[in-house]
Amino acid sequence: AGAEKARQSAAATVKRTKEMIGMKYT
């Protein structure tokens, strides 16, 4: 349950990080 809560926040951060770096190809 703790990992599921943490991953919601973490996934959003990593997604935005990669987009800002330019790692969005599709």
mmCIF file of all heavy atoms, coordinates in Angstrom:
data_MODEL
# 
_entry.id   MODEL 
# 
loop_
_atom_site.group_PDB 
_atom_site.id 
_atom_site.type_symbol 
_atom_site.label_atom_id 
_atom_site.label_alt_id 
_atom_site.label_comp_id 
_atom_site.label_asym_id 
_atom_site.label_entity_id 
_atom_site.label_seq_id 
_atom_site.pdbx_PDB_ins_code 
_atom_site.Cartn_x 
_atom_site.Cartn_y 
_atom_site.Cartn_z 
_atom_site.occupancy 
_atom_site.B_iso_or_equiv 
_atom_site.pdbx_formal_charge 
_atom_site.auth_seq_id 
_atom_site.auth_comp_id 
_atom_site.auth_asym_id 
_atom_site.auth_atom_id 
_atom_site.pdbx_PDB_model_num 
ATOM 1   N N   . ALA A 1 1  ? 0.834  -1.207 0.000   1.00 0.00 ? 1  ALA A N   1 
ATOM 2   C CA  . ALA A 1 1  ? 0.000  0.000  0.000   1.00 0.00 ? 1  ALA A CA  1 
ATOM 3   C C   . ALA A 1 1  ? 0.870  1.260  0.000   1.00 0.00 ? 1  ALA A C   1 
ATOM 4   O O   . ALA A 1 1  ? 0.573  2.236  -0.705  1.00 0.00 ? 1  ALA A O   1 
ATOM 5   C CB  . ALA A 1 1  ? -0.930 0.002  1.214   1.00 0.00 ? 1  ALA A CB  1 
ATOM 6   N N   . GLY A 1 2  ? 1.960  1.238  0.786   1.00 0.00 ? 2  GLY A N   1 
ATOM 7   C CA  . GLY A 1 2  ? 2.856  2.387  0.846   1.00 0.00 ? 2  GLY A CA  1 
ATOM 8   C C   . GLY A 1 2  ? 3.534  2.641  -0.488  1.00 0.00 ? 2  GLY A C   1 
ATOM 9   O O   . GLY A 1 2  ? 3.667  3.790  -0.925  1.00 0.00 ? 2  GLY A O   1 
ATOM 10  N N   . ALA A 1 3  ? 3.959  1.547  -1.162  1.00 0.00 ? 3  ALA A N   1 
ATOM 11  C CA  . ALA A 1 3  ? 4.606  1.689  -2.469  1.00 0.00 ? 3  ALA A CA  1 
ATOM 12  C C   . ALA A 1 3  ? 3.639  2.257  -3.502  1.00 0.00 ? 3  ALA A C   1 
ATOM 13  O O   . ALA A 1 3  ? 4.023  3.083  -4.340  1.00 0.00 ? 3  ALA A O   1 
ATOM 14  C CB  . ALA A 1 3  ? 5.146  0.340  -2.934  1.00 0.00 ? 3  ALA A CB  1 
ATOM 15  N N   . GLU A 1 4  ? 2.385  1.833  -3.433  1.00 0.00 ? 4  GLU A N   1 
ATOM 16  C CA  . GLU A 1 4  ? 1.380  2.353  -4.377  1.00 0.00 ? 4  GLU A CA  1 
ATOM 17  C C   . GLU A 1 4  ? 1.176  3.855  -4.186  1.00 0.00 ? 4  GLU A C   1 
ATOM 18  O O   . GLU A 1 4  ? 1.090  4.618  -5.153  1.00 0.00 ? 4  GLU A O   1 
ATOM 19  C CB  . GLU A 1 4  ? 0.062  1.603  -4.210  1.00 0.00 ? 4  GLU A CB  1 
ATOM 20  C CG  . GLU A 1 4  ? 0.106  0.185  -4.761  1.00 0.00 ? 4  GLU A CG  1 
ATOM 21  C CD  . GLU A 1 4  ? -1.147 -0.621 -4.440  1.00 0.00 ? 4  GLU A CD  1 
ATOM 22  O OE1 . GLU A 1 4  ? -2.032 -0.094 -3.728  1.00 0.00 ? 4  GLU A OE1 1 
ATOM 23  O OE2 . GLU A 1 4  ? -1.236 -1.782 -4.902  1.00 0.00 ? 4  GLU A OE2 1 
ATOM 24  N N   . LYS A 1 5  ? 1.110  4.305  -2.922  1.00 0.00 ? 5  LYS A N   1 
ATOM 25  C CA  . LYS A 1 5  ? 0.976  5.744  -2.648  1.00 0.00 ? 5  LYS A CA  1 
ATOM 26  C C   . LYS A 1 5  ? 2.202  6.499  -3.172  1.00 0.00 ? 5  LYS A C   1 
ATOM 27  O O   . LYS A 1 5  ? 2.087  7.535  -3.823  1.00 0.00 ? 5  LYS A O   1 
ATOM 28  C CB  . LYS A 1 5  ? 0.857  5.991  -1.133  1.00 0.00 ? 5  LYS A CB  1 
ATOM 29  C CG  . LYS A 1 5  ? -0.465 5.624  -0.507  1.00 0.00 ? 5  LYS A CG  1 
ATOM 30  C CD  . LYS A 1 5  ? -0.414 6.012  0.978   1.00 0.00 ? 5  LYS A CD  1 
ATOM 31  C CE  . LYS A 1 5  ? -1.544 5.396  1.780   1.00 0.00 ? 5  LYS A CE  1 
ATOM 32  N NZ  . LYS A 1 5  ? -1.420 5.684  3.224   1.00 0.00 ? 5  LYS A NZ  1 
ATOM 33  N N   . ALA A 1 6  ? 3.377  5.968  -2.862  1.00 0.00 ? 6  ALA A N   1 
ATOM 34  C CA  . ALA A 1 6  ? 4.613  6.639  -3.240  1.00 0.00 ? 6  ALA A CA  1 
ATOM 35  C C   . ALA A 1 6  ? 4.781  6.690  -4.752  1.00 0.00 ? 6  ALA A C   1 
ATOM 36  O O   . ALA A 1 6  ? 5.261  7.689  -5.310  1.00 0.00 ? 6  ALA A O   1 
ATOM 37  C CB  . ALA A 1 6  ? 5.809  5.940  -2.595  1.00 0.00 ? 6  ALA A CB  1 
ATOM 38  N N   . ARG A 1 7  ? 4.371  5.624  -5.435  1.00 0.00 ? 7  ARG A N   1 
ATOM 39  C CA  . ARG A 1 7  ? 4.575  5.566  -6.887  1.00 0.00 ? 7  ARG A CA  1 
ATOM 40  C C   . ARG A 1 7  ? 3.682  6.551  -7.630  1.00 0.00 ? 7  ARG A C   1 
ATOM 41  O O   . ARG A 1 7  ? 4.034  6.996  -8.729  1.00 0.00 ? 7  ARG A O   1 
ATOM 42  C CB  . ARG A 1 7  ? 4.366  4.149  -7.402  1.00 0.00 ? 7  ARG A CB  1 
ATOM 43  C CG  . ARG A 1 7  ? 5.445  3.172  -6.959  1.00 0.00 ? 7  ARG A CG  1 
ATOM 44  C CD  . ARG A 1 7  ? 5.482  1.923  -7.812  1.00 0.00 ? 7  ARG A CD  1 
ATOM 45  N NE  . ARG A 1 7  ? 5.963  2.219  -9.157  1.00 0.00 ? 7  ARG A NE  1 
ATOM 46  C CZ  . ARG A 1 7  ? 6.012  1.322  -10.136 1.00 0.00 ? 7  ARG A CZ  1 
ATOM 47  N NH1 . ARG A 1 7  ? 5.593  0.079  -9.926  1.00 0.00 ? 7  ARG A NH1 1 
ATOM 48  N NH2 . ARG A 1 7  ? 6.467  1.665  -11.332 1.00 0.00 ? 7  ARG A NH2 1 
ATOM 49  N N   . GLN A 1 8  ? 2.540  6.885  -7.066  1.00 0.00 ? 8  GLN A N   1 
ATOM 50  C CA  . GLN A 1 8  ? 1.691  7.895  -7.706  1.00 0.00 ? 8  GLN A CA  1 
ATOM 51  C C   . GLN A 1 8  ? 2.447  9.215  -7.817  1.00 0.00 ? 8  GLN A C   1 
ATOM 52  O O   . GLN A 1 8  ? 2.482  9.857  -8.868  1.00 0.00 ? 8  GLN A O   1 
ATOM 53  C CB  . GLN A 1 8  ? 0.403  8.092  -6.907  1.00 0.00 ? 8  GLN A CB  1 
ATOM 54  C CG  . GLN A 1 8  ? -0.583 6.948  -7.023  1.00 0.00 ? 8  GLN A CG  1 
ATOM 55  C CD  . GLN A 1 8  ? -1.857 7.206  -6.224  1.00 0.00 ? 8  GLN A CD  1 
ATOM 56  O OE1 . GLN A 1 8  ? -2.091 8.314  -5.748  1.00 0.00 ? 8  GLN A OE1 1 
ATOM 57  N NE2 . GLN A 1 8  ? -2.672 6.182  -6.066  1.00 0.00 ? 8  GLN A NE2 1 
ATOM 58  N N   . SER A 1 9  ? 3.043  9.629  -6.710  1.00 0.00 ? 9  SER A N   1 
ATOM 59  C CA  . SER A 1 9  ? 3.822  10.863 -6.683  1.00 0.00 ? 9  SER A CA  1 
ATOM 60  C C   . SER A 1 9  ? 5.083  10.721 -7.525  1.00 0.00 ? 9  SER A C   1 
ATOM 61  O O   . SER A 1 9  ? 5.419  11.604 -8.329  1.00 0.00 ? 9  SER A O   1 
ATOM 62  C CB  . SER A 1 9  ? 4.193  11.203 -5.236  1.00 0.00 ? 9  SER A CB  1 
ATOM 63  O OG  . SER A 1 9  ? 5.148  12.224 -5.169  1.00 0.00 ? 9  SER A OG  1 
ATOM 64  N N   . ALA A 1 10 ? 5.767  9.593  -7.378  1.00 0.00 ? 10 ALA A N   1 
ATOM 65  C CA  . ALA A 1 10 ? 7.050  9.379  -8.052  1.00 0.00 ? 10 ALA A CA  1 
ATOM 66  C C   . ALA A 1 10 ? 6.899  9.326  -9.564  1.00 0.00 ? 10 ALA A C   1 
ATOM 67  O O   . ALA A 1 10 ? 7.690  9.923  -10.309 1.00 0.00 ? 10 ALA A O   1 
ATOM 68  C CB  . ALA A 1 10 ? 7.680  8.080  -7.541  1.00 0.00 ? 10 ALA A CB  1 
ATOM 69  N N   . ALA A 1 11 ? 5.886  8.638  -10.045 1.00 0.00 ? 11 ALA A N   1 
ATOM 70  C CA  . ALA A 1 11 ? 5.690  8.492  -11.487 1.00 0.00 ? 11 ALA A CA  1 
ATOM 71  C C   . ALA A 1 11 ? 5.422  9.844  -12.139 1.00 0.00 ? 11 ALA A C   1 
ATOM 72  O O   . ALA A 1 11 ? 5.934  10.134 -13.232 1.00 0.00 ? 11 ALA A O   1 
ATOM 73  C CB  . ALA A 1 11 ? 4.537  7.531  -11.757 1.00 0.00 ? 11 ALA A CB  1 
ATOM 74  N N   . ALA A 1 12 ? 4.641  10.679 -11.466 1.00 0.00 ? 12 ALA A N   1 
ATOM 75  C CA  . ALA A 1 12 ? 4.335  12.006 -12.008 1.00 0.00 ? 12 ALA A CA  1 
ATOM 76  C C   . ALA A 1 12 ? 5.607  12.843 -12.111 1.00 0.00 ? 12 ALA A C   1 
ATOM 77  O O   . ALA A 1 12 ? 5.818  13.557 -13.096 1.00 0.00 ? 12 ALA A O   1 
ATOM 78  C CB  . ALA A 1 12 ? 3.304  12.703 -11.131 1.00 0.00 ? 12 ALA A CB  1 
ATOM 79  N N   . THR A 1 13 ? 6.471  12.747 -11.089 1.00 0.00 ? 13 THR A N   1 
ATOM 80  C CA  . THR A 1 13 ? 7.718  13.519 -11.097 1.00 0.00 ? 13 THR A CA  1 
ATOM 81  C C   . THR A 1 13 ? 8.655  13.045 -12.194 1.00 0.00 ? 13 THR A C   1 
ATOM 82  O O   . THR A 1 13 ? 9.224  13.855 -12.938 1.00 0.00 ? 13 THR A O   1 
ATOM 83  C CB  . THR A 1 13 ? 8.424  13.418 -9.731  1.00 0.00 ? 13 THR A CB  1 
ATOM 84  O OG1 . THR A 1 13 ? 7.586  13.994 -8.727  1.00 0.00 ? 13 THR A OG1 1 
ATOM 85  C CG2 . THR A 1 13 ? 9.760  14.145 -9.743  1.00 0.00 ? 13 THR A CG2 1 
ATOM 86  N N   . VAL A 1 14 ? 8.839  11.734 -12.312 1.00 0.00 ? 14 VAL A N   1 
ATOM 87  C CA  . VAL A 1 14 ? 9.764  11.205 -13.324 1.00 0.00 ? 14 VAL A CA  1 
ATOM 88  C C   . VAL A 1 14 ? 9.257  11.507 -14.731 1.00 0.00 ? 14 VAL A C   1 
ATOM 89  O O   . VAL A 1 14 ? 10.027 11.870 -15.626 1.00 0.00 ? 14 VAL A O   1 
ATOM 90  C CB  . VAL A 1 14 ? 9.985  9.692  -13.119 1.00 0.00 ? 14 VAL A CB  1 
ATOM 91  C CG1 . VAL A 1 14 ? 10.723 9.083  -14.303 1.00 0.00 ? 14 VAL A CG1 1 
ATOM 92  C CG2 . VAL A 1 14 ? 10.772 9.446  -11.833 1.00 0.00 ? 14 VAL A CG2 1 
ATOM 93  N N   . LYS A 1 15 ? 7.955  11.390 -14.941 1.00 0.00 ? 15 LYS A N   1 
ATOM 94  C CA  . LYS A 1 15 ? 7.369  11.697 -16.254 1.00 0.00 ? 15 LYS A CA  1 
ATOM 95  C C   . LYS A 1 15 ? 7.666  13.140 -16.647 1.00 0.00 ? 15 LYS A C   1 
ATOM 96  O O   . LYS A 1 15 ? 8.110  13.429 -17.758 1.00 0.00 ? 15 LYS A O   1 
ATOM 97  C CB  . LYS A 1 15 ? 5.859  11.453 -16.211 1.00 0.00 ? 15 LYS A CB  1 
ATOM 98  C CG  . LYS A 1 15 ? 5.120  11.748 -17.520 1.00 0.00 ? 15 LYS A CG  1 
ATOM 99  C CD  . LYS A 1 15 ? 3.649  11.353 -17.392 1.00 0.00 ? 15 LYS A CD  1 
ATOM 100 C CE  . LYS A 1 15 ? 2.881  11.581 -18.707 1.00 0.00 ? 15 LYS A CE  1 
ATOM 101 N NZ  . LYS A 1 15 ? 2.712  13.019 -19.006 1.00 0.00 ? 15 LYS A NZ  1 
ATOM 102 N N   . ARG A 1 16 ? 7.439  14.058 -15.705 1.00 0.00 ? 16 ARG A N   1 
ATOM 103 C CA  . ARG A 1 16 ? 7.671  15.467 -15.990 1.00 0.00 ? 16 ARG A CA  1 
ATOM 104 C C   . ARG A 1 16 ? 9.160  15.747 -16.169 1.00 0.00 ? 16 ARG A C   1 
ATOM 105 O O   . ARG A 1 16 ? 9.560  16.542 -17.032 1.00 0.00 ? 16 ARG A O   1 
ATOM 106 C CB  . ARG A 1 16 ? 7.108  16.313 -14.837 1.00 0.00 ? 16 ARG A CB  1 
ATOM 107 C CG  . ARG A 1 16 ? 7.153  17.807 -15.103 1.00 0.00 ? 16 ARG A CG  1 
ATOM 108 C CD  . ARG A 1 16 ? 6.217  18.188 -16.238 1.00 0.00 ? 16 ARG A CD  1 
ATOM 109 N NE  . ARG A 1 16 ? 6.368  19.605 -16.588 1.00 0.00 ? 16 ARG A NE  1 
ATOM 110 C CZ  . ARG A 1 16 ? 6.560  20.048 -17.824 1.00 0.00 ? 16 ARG A CZ  1 
ATOM 111 N NH1 . ARG A 1 16 ? 6.622  19.198 -18.828 1.00 0.00 ? 16 ARG A NH1 1 
ATOM 112 N NH2 . ARG A 1 16 ? 6.674  21.338 -18.061 1.00 0.00 ? 16 ARG A NH2 1 
ATOM 113 N N   . THR A 1 17 ? 10.001 15.091 -15.364 1.00 0.00 ? 17 THR A N   1 
ATOM 114 C CA  . THR A 1 17 ? 11.451 15.260 -15.489 1.00 0.00 ? 17 THR A CA  1 
ATOM 115 C C   . THR A 1 17 ? 11.922 14.884 -16.882 1.00 0.00 ? 17 THR A C   1 
ATOM 116 O O   . THR A 1 17 ? 12.662 15.634 -17.545 1.00 0.00 ? 17 THR A O   1 
ATOM 117 C CB  . THR A 1 17 ? 12.190 14.402 -14.442 1.00 0.00 ? 17 THR A CB  1 
ATOM 118 O OG1 . THR A 1 17 ? 11.748 14.752 -13.132 1.00 0.00 ? 17 THR A OG1 1 
ATOM 119 C CG2 . THR A 1 17 ? 13.693 14.588 -14.529 1.00 0.00 ? 17 THR A CG2 1 
ATOM 120 N N   . LYS A 1 18 ? 11.492 13.725 -17.357 1.00 0.00 ? 18 LYS A N   1 
ATOM 121 C CA  . LYS A 1 18 ? 11.923 13.241 -18.674 1.00 0.00 ? 18 LYS A CA  1 
ATOM 122 C C   . LYS A 1 18 ? 11.394 14.132 -19.793 1.00 0.00 ? 18 LYS A C   1 
ATOM 123 O O   . LYS A 1 18 ? 12.100 14.405 -20.773 1.00 0.00 ? 18 LYS A O   1 
ATOM 124 C CB  . LYS A 1 18 ? 11.464 11.791 -18.861 1.00 0.00 ? 18 LYS A CB  1 
ATOM 125 C CG  . LYS A 1 18 ? 12.200 10.824 -17.925 1.00 0.00 ? 18 LYS A CG  1 
ATOM 126 C CD  . LYS A 1 18 ? 11.586 9.446  -17.898 1.00 0.00 ? 18 LYS A CD  1 
ATOM 127 C CE  . LYS A 1 18 ? 11.850 8.680  -19.156 1.00 0.00 ? 18 LYS A CE  1 
ATOM 128 N NZ  . LYS A 1 18 ? 11.342 7.280  -19.050 1.00 0.00 ? 18 LYS A NZ  1 
ATOM 129 N N   . GLU A 1 19 ? 10.158 14.596 -19.647 1.00 0.00 ? 19 GLU A N   1 
ATOM 130 C CA  . GLU A 1 19 ? 9.596  15.496 -20.662 1.00 0.00 ? 19 GLU A CA  1 
ATOM 131 C C   . GLU A 1 19 ? 10.412 16.781 -20.756 1.00 0.00 ? 19 GLU A C   1 
ATOM 132 O O   . GLU A 1 19 ? 10.701 17.266 -21.860 1.00 0.00 ? 19 GLU A O   1 
ATOM 133 C CB  . GLU A 1 19 ? 8.144  15.831 -20.314 1.00 0.00 ? 19 GLU A CB  1 
ATOM 134 C CG  . GLU A 1 19 ? 7.167  14.693 -20.547 1.00 0.00 ? 19 GLU A CG  1 
ATOM 135 C CD  . GLU A 1 19 ? 5.766  15.005 -20.036 1.00 0.00 ? 19 GLU A CD  1 
ATOM 136 O OE1 . GLU A 1 19 ? 5.585  16.044 -19.355 1.00 0.00 ? 19 GLU A OE1 1 
ATOM 137 O OE2 . GLU A 1 19 ? 4.861  14.200 -20.306 1.00 0.00 ? 19 GLU A OE2 1 
ATOM 138 N N   . MET A 1 20 ? 10.807 17.334 -19.612 1.00 0.00 ? 20 MET A N   1 
ATOM 139 C CA  . MET A 1 20 ? 11.552 18.592 -19.609 1.00 0.00 ? 20 MET A CA  1 
ATOM 140 C C   . MET A 1 20 ? 12.962 18.419 -20.164 1.00 0.00 ? 20 MET A C   1 
ATOM 141 O O   . MET A 1 20 ? 13.523 19.331 -20.781 1.00 0.00 ? 20 MET A O   1 
ATOM 142 C CB  . MET A 1 20 ? 11.581 19.178 -18.192 1.00 0.00 ? 20 MET A CB  1 
ATOM 143 C CG  . MET A 1 20 ? 10.203 19.603 -17.706 1.00 0.00 ? 20 MET A CG  1 
ATOM 144 S SD  . MET A 1 20 ? 10.170 20.214 -16.010 1.00 0.00 ? 20 MET A SD  1 
ATOM 145 C CE  . MET A 1 20 ? 10.878 21.849 -16.225 1.00 0.00 ? 20 MET A CE  1 
ATOM 146 N N   . ILE A 1 21 ? 13.537 17.226 -19.955 1.00 0.00 ? 21 ILE A N   1 
ATOM 147 C CA  . ILE A 1 21 ? 14.857 16.929 -20.517 1.00 0.00 ? 21 ILE A CA  1 
ATOM 148 C C   . ILE A 1 21 ? 14.771 16.770 -22.037 1.00 0.00 ? 21 ILE A C   1 
ATOM 149 O O   . ILE A 1 21 ? 15.737 17.023 -22.760 1.00 0.00 ? 21 ILE A O   1 
ATOM 150 C CB  . ILE A 1 21 ? 15.443 15.654 -19.856 1.00 0.00 ? 21 ILE A CB  1 
ATOM 151 C CG1 . ILE A 1 21 ? 15.820 15.950 -18.400 1.00 0.00 ? 21 ILE A CG1 1 
ATOM 152 C CG2 . ILE A 1 21 ? 16.649 15.133 -20.609 1.00 0.00 ? 21 ILE A CG2 1 
ATOM 153 C CD1 . ILE A 1 21 ? 16.210 14.728 -17.598 1.00 0.00 ? 21 ILE A CD1 1 
ATOM 154 N N   . GLY A 1 22 ? 13.586 16.369 -22.523 1.00 0.00 ? 22 GLY A N   1 
ATOM 155 C CA  . GLY A 1 22 ? 13.392 16.138 -23.950 1.00 0.00 ? 22 GLY A CA  1 
ATOM 156 C C   . GLY A 1 22 ? 13.135 14.680 -24.287 1.00 0.00 ? 22 GLY A C   1 
ATOM 157 O O   . GLY A 1 22 ? 13.043 14.298 -25.464 1.00 0.00 ? 22 GLY A O   1 
ATOM 158 N N   . MET A 1 23 ? 12.985 13.853 -23.249 1.00 0.00 ? 23 MET A N   1 
ATOM 159 C CA  . MET A 1 23 ? 12.764 12.417 -23.468 1.00 0.00 ? 23 MET A CA  1 
ATOM 160 C C   . MET A 1 23 ? 11.279 12.121 -23.654 1.00 0.00 ? 23 MET A C   1 
ATOM 161 O O   . MET A 1 23 ? 10.651 11.391 -22.869 1.00 0.00 ? 23 MET A O   1 
ATOM 162 C CB  . MET A 1 23 ? 13.313 11.627 -22.265 1.00 0.00 ? 23 MET A CB  1 
ATOM 163 C CG  . MET A 1 23 ? 14.813 11.698 -22.134 1.00 0.00 ? 23 MET A CG  1 
ATOM 164 S SD  . MET A 1 23 ? 15.385 10.826 -20.659 1.00 0.00 ? 23 MET A SD  1 
ATOM 165 C CE  . MET A 1 23 ? 17.144 10.743 -20.968 1.00 0.00 ? 23 MET A CE  1 
ATOM 166 N N   . LYS A 1 24 ? 10.715 12.705 -24.681 1.00 0.00 ? 24 LYS A N   1 
ATOM 167 C CA  . LYS A 1 24 ? 9.324  12.421 -25.044 1.00 0.00 ? 24 LYS A CA  1 
ATOM 168 C C   . LYS A 1 24 ? 9.284  12.323 -26.565 1.00 0.00 ? 24 LYS A C   1 
ATOM 169 O O   . LYS A 1 24 ? 9.414  13.323 -27.271 1.00 0.00 ? 24 LYS A O   1 
ATOM 170 C CB  . LYS A 1 24 ? 8.395  13.531 -24.552 1.00 0.00 ? 24 LYS A CB  1 
ATOM 171 C CG  . LYS A 1 24 ? 6.915  13.223 -24.825 1.00 0.00 ? 24 LYS A CG  1 
ATOM 172 C CD  . LYS A 1 24 ? 6.029  14.337 -24.312 1.00 0.00 ? 24 LYS A CD  1 
ATOM 173 C CE  . LYS A 1 24 ? 4.548  13.991 -24.587 1.00 0.00 ? 24 LYS A CE  1 
ATOM 174 N NZ  . LYS A 1 24 ? 3.647  15.088 -24.148 1.00 0.00 ? 24 LYS A NZ  1 
ATOM 175 N N   . TYR A 1 25 ? 9.118  11.120 -27.027 1.00 0.00 ? 25 TYR A N   1 
ATOM 176 C CA  . TYR A 1 25 ? 9.312  10.866 -28.467 1.00 0.00 ? 25 TYR A CA  1 
ATOM 177 C C   . TYR A 1 25 ? 8.034  10.474 -29.200 1.00 0.00 ? 25 TYR A C   1 
ATOM 178 O O   . TYR A 1 25 ? 8.012  10.404 -30.417 1.00 0.00 ? 25 TYR A O   1 
ATOM 179 C CB  . TYR A 1 25 ? 10.370 9.777  -28.668 1.00 0.00 ? 25 TYR A CB  1 
ATOM 180 C CG  . TYR A 1 25 ? 11.648 10.075 -27.892 1.00 0.00 ? 25 TYR A CG  1 
ATOM 181 C CD1 . TYR A 1 25 ? 12.067 9.253  -26.850 1.00 0.00 ? 25 TYR A CD1 1 
ATOM 182 C CD2 . TYR A 1 25 ? 12.424 11.192 -28.193 1.00 0.00 ? 25 TYR A CD2 1 
ATOM 183 C CE1 . TYR A 1 25 ? 13.226 9.533  -26.136 1.00 0.00 ? 25 TYR A CE1 1 
ATOM 184 C CE2 . TYR A 1 25 ? 13.590 11.485 -27.503 1.00 0.00 ? 25 TYR A CE2 1 
ATOM 185 C CZ  . TYR A 1 25 ? 13.972 10.655 -26.470 1.00 0.00 ? 25 TYR A CZ  1 
ATOM 186 O OH  . TYR A 1 25 ? 15.123 10.943 -25.767 1.00 0.00 ? 25 TYR A OH  1 
ATOM 187 N N   . THR A 1 26 ? 6.989  10.190 -28.445 1.00 0.00 ? 26 THR A N   1 
ATOM 188 C CA  . THR A 1 26 ? 5.722  9.817  -29.085 1.00 0.00 ? 26 THR A CA  1 
ATOM 189 C C   . THR A 1 26 ? 4.606  10.654 -28.484 1.00 0.00 ? 26 THR A C   1 
ATOM 190 O O   . THR A 1 26 ? 4.696  11.124 -27.352 1.00 0.00 ? 26 THR A O   1 
ATOM 191 C CB  . THR A 1 26 ? 5.403  8.315  -28.879 1.00 0.00 ? 26 THR A CB  1 
ATOM 192 O OG1 . THR A 1 26 ? 5.344  8.043  -27.488 1.00 0.00 ? 26 THR A OG1 1 
ATOM 193 C CG2 . THR A 1 26 ? 6.450  7.445  -29.538 1.00 0.00 ? 26 THR A CG2 1 
# 
